[in-house]
Amino acid sequence: MTLLLLLLSAGRATAQDAPPSPKWTGFHLGAEAGVAWASYDWNLNPNYFNTIGAWVLGSSAQQTASAAMAGGFLGYDWAVAPLGGGQALLGLELGARTGAGLVQNQPDPWFPASDTMQSQVNWMASATVRAGWAKDRFNLFAKAGWAGADVGFSLHDNGTGIAATLDKWVNGWTAGLGVDYRLVERVSVGVTWDYTELTASGLGMTCQSCGSGVGLGSPVVGTTIRLNALMARLTWHFGS
């Protein structure tokens, strides 16, 4: 009997000493850093940079770039229902990232001996819905929603000094996957991968000296920009 009482007491003490499962609901705030890859597809009207008289040399151009990226995020998660021994979650997350390094400058495809073109993402923002599954110290999630970026594009005739520039906000969508691991009660580390696609058309470039008429004119462009990002994240959880 004494041995039985001792075993029961030890079991109760062990259960009381075991750390509680972390709560994944409520507000969270964090920072992230990683690497991103971008591809830029541009379509242009006949203009000063892609024509010889009435002859249009081409109407499309492509560039790629990769660089380090950093940013921050703020979100909130709700518990939906028990699932598979864990908890189904639904949340919202807002994020912003700098993409200043996603720049590519190279000869353009029409006059490569004299002209250059440059594409870049300056910074980007997102607002996503998250669906996740949390168990103990792990939280697996998927996300999707709106994304937008401040995008730059320029064409430069190095012989004459004539340049056309564009700096516009371009909207699109994003989707991704991620996992967080709770290090301590309020802090988790994790990794995310996401894909972003931005599209726009009819964007007029600024060119003071492009003139008008056959073989001249300011560029009007459309674009599709695709980005992949792999990010490490550090999150502070405020709790529900």
Protein backbone atom coordinates (compact mmCIF):
# COMPACT_ATOMS: atom_id res chain seq x y z
CA MET A 1 0.00 0.00 0.00
CA THR A 2 2.79 2.39 0.91
CA LEU A 3 4.55 1.65 -2.40
CA LEU A 4 1.32 2.29 -4.32
CA LEU A 5 0.81 5.64 -2.58
CA LEU A 6 4.39 6.65 -3.38
CA LEU A 7 3.93 5.79 -7.07
CA LEU A 8 0.68 7.75 -7.26
CA SER A 9 2.30 10.73 -5.57
CA ALA A 10 5.26 10.60 -7.96
CA GLY A 11 2.93 10.44 -10.99
CA ARG A 12 0.93 13.41 -9.76
CA ALA A 13 4.09 15.43 -9.15
CA THR A 14 5.40 14.59 -12.62
CA ALA A 15 2.13 15.72 -14.24
CA GLN A 16 2.21 18.95 -12.24
CA ASP A 17 5.84 19.64 -13.16
CA ALA A 18 5.38 18.98 -16.90
CA PRO A 19 5.43 22.26 -18.89
CA PRO A 20 2.04 23.24 -20.34
CA SER A 21 1.54 23.13 -24.11
CA PRO A 22 2.19 26.58 -25.57
CA LYS A 23 -0.78 28.60 -26.77
CA TRP A 24 -0.66 29.53 -30.44
CA THR A 25 -3.68 31.87 -30.33
CA GLY A 26 -3.71 35.64 -29.99
CA PHE A 27 -1.44 38.36 -31.36
CA HIS A 28 2.07 37.74 -32.62
CA LEU A 29 4.78 40.09 -33.84
CA GLY A 30 8.06 39.20 -35.52
CA ALA A 31 11.00 39.83 -37.81
CA GLU A 32 12.28 37.78 -40.74
CA ALA A 33 15.30 37.57 -43.01
CA GLY A 34 16.25 35.38 -45.95
CA VAL A 35 16.77 35.31 -49.68
CA ALA A 36 14.46 36.08 -52.62
CA TRP A 37 14.53 35.38 -56.35
CA ALA A 38 12.67 37.58 -58.84
CA SER A 39 11.88 37.30 -62.53
CA TYR A 40 10.68 40.33 -64.48
CA ASP A 41 8.71 40.10 -67.75
CA TRP A 42 8.07 43.39 -69.56
CA ASN A 43 5.92 44.10 -72.63
CA LEU A 44 6.37 47.42 -74.43
CA ASN A 45 4.61 49.44 -77.10
CA PRO A 46 6.62 50.72 -80.11
CA ASN A 47 8.77 53.54 -78.70
CA TYR A 48 12.11 55.32 -78.88
CA PHE A 49 14.03 52.38 -77.38
CA ASN A 50 12.79 49.44 -79.49
CA THR A 51 12.31 50.84 -83.01
CA ILE A 52 14.27 51.94 -86.07
CA GLY A 53 11.82 54.13 -87.92
CA ALA A 54 8.69 52.06 -88.48
CA TRP A 55 10.57 48.81 -87.80
CA VAL A 56 9.80 47.40 -84.34
CA LEU A 57 12.78 45.36 -83.14
CA GLY A 58 10.86 43.65 -80.34
CA SER A 59 8.19 44.19 -77.73
CA SER A 60 9.29 42.10 -74.74
CA ALA A 61 12.21 41.86 -72.32
CA GLN A 62 13.08 39.64 -69.37
CA GLN A 63 15.37 39.99 -66.38
CA THR A 64 16.12 38.01 -63.21
CA ALA A 65 17.61 38.97 -59.85
CA SER A 66 18.29 37.48 -56.43
CA ALA A 67 19.21 39.12 -53.14
CA ALA A 68 18.89 39.06 -49.37
CA MET A 69 15.55 40.28 -48.03
CA ALA A 70 14.34 41.33 -44.57
CA GLY A 71 11.06 42.44 -43.06
CA GLY A 72 8.53 42.22 -40.27
CA PHE A 73 5.02 40.94 -39.65
CA LEU A 74 2.05 41.26 -37.28
CA GLY A 75 -0.80 38.77 -36.97
CA TYR A 76 -3.55 37.18 -34.93
CA ASP A 77 -4.64 33.54 -34.70
CA TRP A 78 -7.89 31.99 -33.50
CA ALA A 79 -8.46 28.41 -32.34
CA VAL A 80 -11.02 26.74 -34.63
CA ALA A 81 -11.40 23.14 -33.40
CA PRO A 82 -9.41 20.18 -32.05
CA LEU A 83 -7.79 18.25 -34.89
CA GLY A 84 -5.59 15.14 -34.91
CA GLY A 85 -4.45 15.53 -31.34
CA GLY A 86 -3.69 19.20 -31.91
CA GLN A 87 -5.58 22.40 -32.69
CA ALA A 88 -6.78 23.83 -36.01
CA LEU A 89 -6.05 27.55 -36.29
CA LEU A 90 -7.25 30.39 -38.50
CA GLY A 91 -5.50 33.74 -38.61
CA LEU A 92 -4.61 36.97 -40.36
CA GLU A 93 -1.12 38.35 -40.96
CA LEU A 94 0.22 41.66 -42.29
CA GLY A 95 3.80 41.89 -43.54
CA ALA A 96 6.32 44.23 -45.14
CA ARG A 97 9.72 43.47 -46.67
CA THR A 98 12.51 45.45 -48.23
CA GLY A 99 13.60 44.23 -51.64
CA ALA A 100 16.15 46.93 -52.42
CA GLY A 101 18.70 44.34 -53.51
CA LEU A 102 16.43 42.78 -56.16
CA VAL A 103 18.01 44.87 -58.91
CA GLN A 104 19.25 43.81 -62.33
CA ASN A 105 20.96 46.18 -64.77
CA GLN A 106 22.02 44.82 -68.16
CA PRO A 107 22.06 45.65 -71.89
CA ASP A 108 18.60 45.78 -73.38
CA PRO A 109 17.66 43.25 -76.12
CA TRP A 110 17.21 45.81 -78.93
CA PHE A 111 20.38 47.94 -78.83
CA PRO A 112 22.67 45.96 -76.49
CA ALA A 113 25.79 47.86 -77.56
CA SER A 114 24.48 51.21 -76.38
CA ASP A 115 21.32 50.83 -74.27
CA THR A 116 20.72 49.39 -70.81
CA MET A 117 17.64 48.41 -68.83
CA GLN A 118 17.12 48.04 -65.10
CA SER A 119 14.37 46.29 -63.08
CA GLN A 120 13.94 46.31 -59.33
CA VAL A 121 11.55 45.74 -56.42
CA ASN A 122 12.08 48.45 -53.81
CA TRP A 123 9.79 47.11 -51.07
CA MET A 124 6.66 45.01 -50.79
CA ALA A 125 3.67 44.45 -48.49
CA SER A 126 1.17 41.65 -47.96
CA ALA A 127 -2.09 40.83 -46.16
CA THR A 128 -2.81 37.12 -45.90
CA VAL A 129 -5.20 34.61 -44.34
CA ARG A 130 -3.45 31.78 -42.50
CA ALA A 131 -4.76 28.27 -41.85
CA GLY A 132 -2.69 26.14 -39.50
CA TRP A 133 -2.41 23.12 -37.28
CA ALA A 134 -0.62 23.37 -33.94
CA LYS A 135 0.44 20.61 -31.60
CA ASP A 136 2.66 21.13 -28.57
CA ARG A 137 5.64 23.22 -29.75
CA PHE A 138 4.98 23.00 -33.51
CA ASN A 139 2.70 25.11 -35.68
CA LEU A 140 2.35 24.22 -39.38
CA PHE A 141 0.52 26.73 -41.58
CA ALA A 142 -0.38 27.78 -45.10
CA LYS A 143 -1.18 31.34 -46.15
CA ALA A 144 -2.60 33.19 -49.15
CA GLY A 145 -3.82 36.67 -49.96
CA TRP A 146 -2.97 40.08 -51.41
CA ALA A 147 0.52 41.36 -52.13
CA GLY A 148 1.88 44.52 -53.69
CA ALA A 149 5.26 46.11 -54.35
CA ASP A 150 6.91 49.38 -55.27
CA VAL A 151 8.53 48.50 -58.62
CA GLY A 152 11.11 50.37 -60.65
CA PHE A 153 11.98 50.01 -64.36
CA SER A 154 14.24 52.16 -66.51
CA LEU A 155 15.67 52.29 -70.03
CA HIS A 156 18.78 54.31 -70.85
CA ASP A 157 20.41 55.27 -74.15
CA ASN A 158 24.03 55.67 -73.08
CA GLY A 159 24.98 57.36 -76.35
CA THR A 160 22.49 60.24 -76.17
CA GLY A 161 21.74 60.23 -72.45
CA ILE A 162 18.02 59.81 -73.11
CA ALA A 163 16.32 57.84 -70.32
CA ALA A 164 12.83 56.59 -69.51
CA THR A 165 11.90 55.78 -65.92
CA LEU A 166 9.05 54.14 -64.07
CA ASP A 167 8.30 53.91 -60.34
CA LYS A 168 4.88 52.39 -59.69
CA TRP A 169 2.98 50.34 -57.13
CA VAL A 170 2.00 46.96 -58.63
CA ASN A 171 -0.59 44.65 -57.04
CA GLY A 172 -0.95 40.88 -57.11
CA TRP A 173 -1.28 37.83 -54.91
CA THR A 174 0.87 35.62 -52.70
CA ALA A 175 0.73 32.11 -51.22
CA GLY A 176 3.08 30.13 -49.03
CA LEU A 177 3.85 27.50 -46.39
CA GLY A 178 5.59 27.71 -43.05
CA VAL A 179 6.42 26.06 -39.74
CA ASP A 180 7.12 27.61 -36.33
CA TYR A 181 8.73 25.95 -33.31
CA ARG A 182 8.17 27.36 -29.82
CA LEU A 183 11.52 27.81 -28.09
CA VAL A 184 10.10 29.23 -24.85
CA GLU A 185 6.69 30.37 -23.68
CA ARG A 186 6.56 33.57 -25.76
CA VAL A 187 9.19 33.05 -28.46
CA SER A 188 9.21 30.84 -31.56
CA VAL A 189 11.53 30.40 -34.53
CA GLY A 190 10.44 29.24 -37.94
CA VAL A 191 10.88 29.20 -41.68
CA THR A 192 8.52 30.15 -44.52
CA TRP A 193 8.51 29.83 -48.28
CA ASP A 194 6.19 31.98 -50.35
CA TYR A 195 5.46 32.73 -53.99
CA THR A 196 4.27 36.15 -55.14
CA GLU A 197 2.98 37.22 -58.54
CA LEU A 198 2.42 40.87 -59.47
CA THR A 199 0.85 42.10 -62.72
CA ALA A 200 0.07 45.45 -64.32
CA SER A 201 -0.56 46.91 -67.76
CA GLY A 202 -0.67 50.33 -69.42
CA LEU A 203 2.05 51.87 -67.22
CA GLY A 204 3.42 55.03 -68.85
CA MET A 205 7.13 55.69 -68.39
CA THR A 206 8.50 59.20 -67.93
CA CYS A 207 10.79 60.28 -70.77
CA GLN A 208 11.34 63.98 -71.42
CA SER A 209 13.33 63.51 -74.63
CA CYS A 210 11.71 60.50 -76.31
CA GLY A 211 9.83 62.68 -78.79
CA SER A 212 6.79 61.56 -80.75
CA GLY A 213 5.98 60.04 -84.10
CA VAL A 214 7.34 57.07 -86.04
CA GLY A 215 10.40 55.55 -84.33
CA LEU A 216 9.98 57.75 -81.28
CA GLY A 217 7.68 58.06 -78.27
CA SER A 218 7.70 57.26 -74.55
CA PRO A 219 7.41 53.60 -73.53
CA VAL A 220 4.14 52.24 -72.16
CA VAL A 221 4.71 48.91 -70.43
CA GLY A 222 2.97 45.96 -68.88
CA THR A 223 4.64 43.55 -66.51
CA THR A 224 4.42 40.24 -64.70
CA ILE A 225 6.82 39.89 -61.77
CA ARG A 226 7.27 36.56 -60.01
CA LEU A 227 9.07 36.24 -56.67
CA ASN A 228 10.06 33.28 -54.52
CA ALA A 229 11.30 33.91 -50.98
CA LEU A 230 12.75 31.60 -48.33
CA MET A 231 12.70 33.34 -44.95
CA ALA A 232 13.75 32.54 -41.38
CA ARG A 233 11.52 34.18 -38.75
CA LEU A 234 11.61 35.05 -35.08
CA THR A 235 8.22 35.64 -33.43
CA TRP A 236 7.03 37.03 -30.10
CA HIS A 237 3.63 35.64 -29.00
CA PHE A 238 1.45 37.86 -26.85
CA GLY A 239 -1.07 35.08 -26.15
CA SER A 240 -4.88 35.16 -26.20
